[in-house]
PDB file of N, CA and C in Angstrom:
ATOM      1  N   MET A   1     118.432  64.009  77.782  1.00  0.00           N
ATOM      2  CA  MET A   1     117.995  64.975  78.676  1.00  0.00           C
ATOM      3  C   MET A   1     117.950  66.381  78.539  1.00  0.00           C
ATOM      4  N   ARG A   2     118.917  66.947  77.539  1.00  0.00           N
ATOM      5  CA  ARG A   2     118.995  68.177  77.080  1.00  0.00           C
ATOM      6  C   ARG A   2     117.430  68.723  76.334  1.00  0.00           C
ATOM      7  N   LYS A   3     117.170  67.621  75.240  1.00  0.00           N
ATOM      8  CA  LYS A   3     115.904  67.860  74.862  1.00  0.00           C
ATOM      9  C   LYS A   3     114.755  68.333  75.572  1.00  0.00           C
ATOM     10  N   ASP A   4     114.746  67.557  76.845  1.00  0.00           N
ATOM     11  CA  ASP A   4     113.380  67.412  77.691  1.00  0.00           C
ATOM     12  C   ASP A   4     113.808  68.537  78.354  1.00  0.00           C
ATOM     13  N   LEU A   5     114.892  69.196  78.523  1.00  0.00           N
ATOM     14  CA  LEU A   5     114.684  70.597  79.566  1.00  0.00           C
ATOM     15  C   LEU A   5     114.723  71.641  78.458  1.00  0.00           C
ATOM     16  N   GLU A   6     114.739  71.749  77.531  1.00  0.00           N
ATOM     17  CA  GLU A   6     114.389  72.257  76.071  1.00  0.00           C
ATOM     18  C   GLU A   6     112.961  72.331  75.991  1.00  0.00           C
ATOM     19  N   TRP A   7     112.301  71.320  76.021  1.00  0.00           N
ATOM     20  CA  TRP A   7     111.164  71.531  75.936  1.00  0.00           C
ATOM     21  C   TRP A   7     110.471  72.059  77.004  1.00  0.00           C
ATOM     22  N   LEU A   8     110.859  71.641  78.167  1.00  0.00           N
ATOM     23  CA  LEU A   8     110.096  71.675  79.521  1.00  0.00           C
ATOM     24  C   LEU A   8     110.157  73.729  79.426  1.00  0.00           C
ATOM     25  N   ARG A   9     111.565  73.951  78.767  1.00  0.00           N
ATOM     26  CA  ARG A   9     111.671  75.889  78.603  1.00  0.00           C
ATOM     27  C   ARG A   9     110.602  76.342  78.066  1.00  0.00           C
ATOM     28  N   GLN A  10     110.652  75.599  76.981  1.00  0.00           N
ATOM     29  CA  GLN A  10     109.655  76.469  75.809  1.00  0.00           C
ATOM     30  C   GLN A  10     108.197  76.359  76.610  1.00  0.00           C
ATOM     31  N   TYR A  11     108.176  75.454  77.156  1.00  0.00           N
ATOM     32  CA  TYR A  11     106.569  74.978  77.843  1.00  0.00           C
ATOM     33  C   TYR A  11     106.036  76.224  78.660  1.00  0.00           C
ATOM     34  N   TYR A  12     106.940  76.226  79.797  1.00  0.00           N
ATOM     35  CA  TYR A  12     107.196  77.467  80.528  1.00  0.00           C
ATOM     36  C   TYR A  12     107.221  78.590  80.228  1.00  0.00           C
ATOM     37  N   ASP A  13     107.784  78.883  78.960  1.00  0.00           N
ATOM     38  CA  ASP A  13     107.837  80.351  78.297  1.00  0.00           C
ATOM     39  C   ASP A  13     106.686  80.293  77.815  1.00  0.00           C
ATOM     40  N   ARG A  14     106.093  79.594  77.035  1.00  0.00           N
ATOM     41  CA  ARG A  14     104.746  79.686  76.544  1.00  0.00           C
ATOM     42  C   ARG A  14     103.539  79.613  77.505  1.00  0.00           C
ATOM     43  N   LYS A  15     103.686  79.177  78.675  1.00  0.00           N
ATOM     44  CA  LYS A  15     102.625  79.024  79.653  1.00  0.00           C
ATOM     45  C   LYS A  15     102.866  80.677  80.071  1.00  0.00           C
ATOM     46  N   ASN A  16     103.829  81.596  80.662  1.00  0.00           N
ATOM     47  CA  ASN A  16     104.144  82.405  80.864  1.00  0.00           C
ATOM     48  C   ASN A  16     103.518  83.797  79.760  1.00  0.00           C
ATOM     49  N   ILE A  17     103.712  83.291  78.959  1.00  0.00           N
ATOM     50  CA  ILE A  17     103.333  84.098  77.729  1.00  0.00           C
ATOM     51  C   ILE A  17     101.690  84.342  77.751  1.00  0.00           C
ATOM     52  N   VAL A  18     101.168  82.741  77.921  1.00  0.00           N
ATOM     53  CA  VAL A  18      99.598  82.738  78.085  1.00  0.00           C
ATOM     54  C   VAL A  18      99.227  83.417  79.009  1.00  0.00           C
ATOM     55  N   GLU A  19      99.715  83.806  80.006  1.00  0.00           N
ATOM     56  CA  GLU A  19      99.308  84.269  81.592  1.00  0.00           C
ATOM     57  C   GLU A  19      99.227  85.793  81.430  1.00  0.00           C
ATOM     58  N   ILE A  20     100.615  86.029  80.758  1.00  0.00           N
ATOM     59  CA  ILE A  20     100.533  87.640  80.561  1.00  0.00           C
ATOM     60  C   ILE A  20      99.486  88.110  79.843  1.00  0.00           C
ATOM     61  N   PHE A  21      98.978  87.630  78.590  1.00  0.00           N
ATOM     62  CA  PHE A  21      98.091  87.622  77.527  1.00  0.00           C
ATOM     63  C   PHE A  21      97.014  87.841  78.356  1.00  0.00           C
ATOM     64  N   LEU A  22      96.495  86.799  78.997  1.00  0.00           N
ATOM     65  CA  LEU A  22      95.146  86.769  79.877  1.00  0.00           C
ATOM     66  C   LEU A  22      95.052  87.934  80.801  1.00  0.00           C
ATOM     67  N   GLN A  23      96.341  88.212  81.477  1.00  0.00           N
ATOM     68  CA  GLN A  23      96.022  89.632  82.327  1.00  0.00           C
ATOM     69  C   GLN A  23      95.983  90.827  81.991  1.00  0.00           C
ATOM     70  N   GLU A  24      96.559  90.877  80.604  1.00  0.00           N
ATOM     71  CA  GLU A  24      96.260  91.914  79.729  1.00  0.00           C
ATOM     72  C   GLU A  24      94.978  92.033  79.361  1.00  0.00           C
ATOM     73  N   ASN A  25      94.634  91.102  78.682  1.00  0.00           N
ATOM     74  CA  ASN A  25      93.375  91.077  78.307  1.00  0.00           C
ATOM     75  C   ASN A  25      92.142  91.090  79.515  1.00  0.00           C
ATOM     76  N   LEU A  26      92.765  90.716  80.800  1.00  0.00           N
ATOM     77  CA  LEU A  26      91.580  91.424  81.939  1.00  0.00           C
ATOM     78  C   LEU A  26      91.838  92.906  82.421  1.00  0.00           C
ATOM     79  N   CYS A  27      92.910  93.276  81.953  1.00  0.00           N
ATOM     80  CA  CYS A  27      92.689  94.646  82.419  1.00  0.00           C
ATOM     81  C   CYS A  27      92.101  95.587  81.550  1.00  0.00           C
ATOM     82  N   LEU A  28      92.132  95.052  80.099  1.00  0.00           N
ATOM     83  CA  LEU A  28      91.547  95.843  78.976  1.00  0.00           C
ATOM     84  C   LEU A  28      89.779  95.614  79.204  1.00  0.00           C
ATOM     85  N   ARG A  29      89.495  94.812  79.935  1.00  0.00           N
ATOM     86  CA  ARG A  29      88.369  94.276  80.176  1.00  0.00           C
ATOM     87  C   ARG A  29      87.602  95.016  81.191  1.00  0.00           C
ATOM     88  N   LEU A  30      88.373  95.456  82.168  1.00  0.00           N
ATOM     89  CA  LEU A  30      88.189  95.759  83.322  1.00  0.00           C
ATOM     90  C   LEU A  30      88.400  97.738  83.304  1.00  0.00           C
ATOM     91  N   ARG A  31      89.200  98.058  82.109  1.00  0.00           N
ATOM     92  CA  ARG A  31      89.276  99.125  82.232  1.00  0.00           C
ATOM     93  C   ARG A  31      88.008 100.069  82.212  1.00  0.00           C
ATOM     94  N   PRO A  32      87.424  99.534  80.682  1.00  0.00           N
ATOM     95  CA  PRO A  32      85.982 100.265  80.599  1.00  0.00           C
ATOM     96  C   PRO A  32      84.847 100.446  81.780  1.00  0.00           C
ATOM     97  N   GLN A  33      84.907  99.071  82.213  1.00  0.00           N
ATOM     98  CA  GLN A  33      83.944  99.288  83.718  1.00  0.00           C
ATOM     99  C   GLN A  33      84.458 100.294  84.928  1.00  0.00           C
ATOM    100  N   ALA A  34      85.647 100.296  85.016  1.00  0.00           N
ATOM    101  CA  ALA A  34      86.353 101.259  86.147  1.00  0.00           C
ATOM    102  C   ALA A  34      85.919 102.520  85.556  1.00  0.00           C
ATOM    103  N   LYS A  35      86.151 103.099  84.503  1.00  0.00           N
ATOM    104  CA  LYS A  35      85.600 104.543  83.856  1.00  0.00           C
ATOM    105  C   LYS A  35      84.096 104.273  83.996  1.00  0.00           C
TER     106      LYS A  35
END
């Protein structure tokens, strides 16, 4: 159980990091167009 919970925690942490990374990329892409 503990190993599964740790794996899920790591998976969701990575998922959040990827989502934040994509959001930052989108912001960087949209900034030049906005200007």
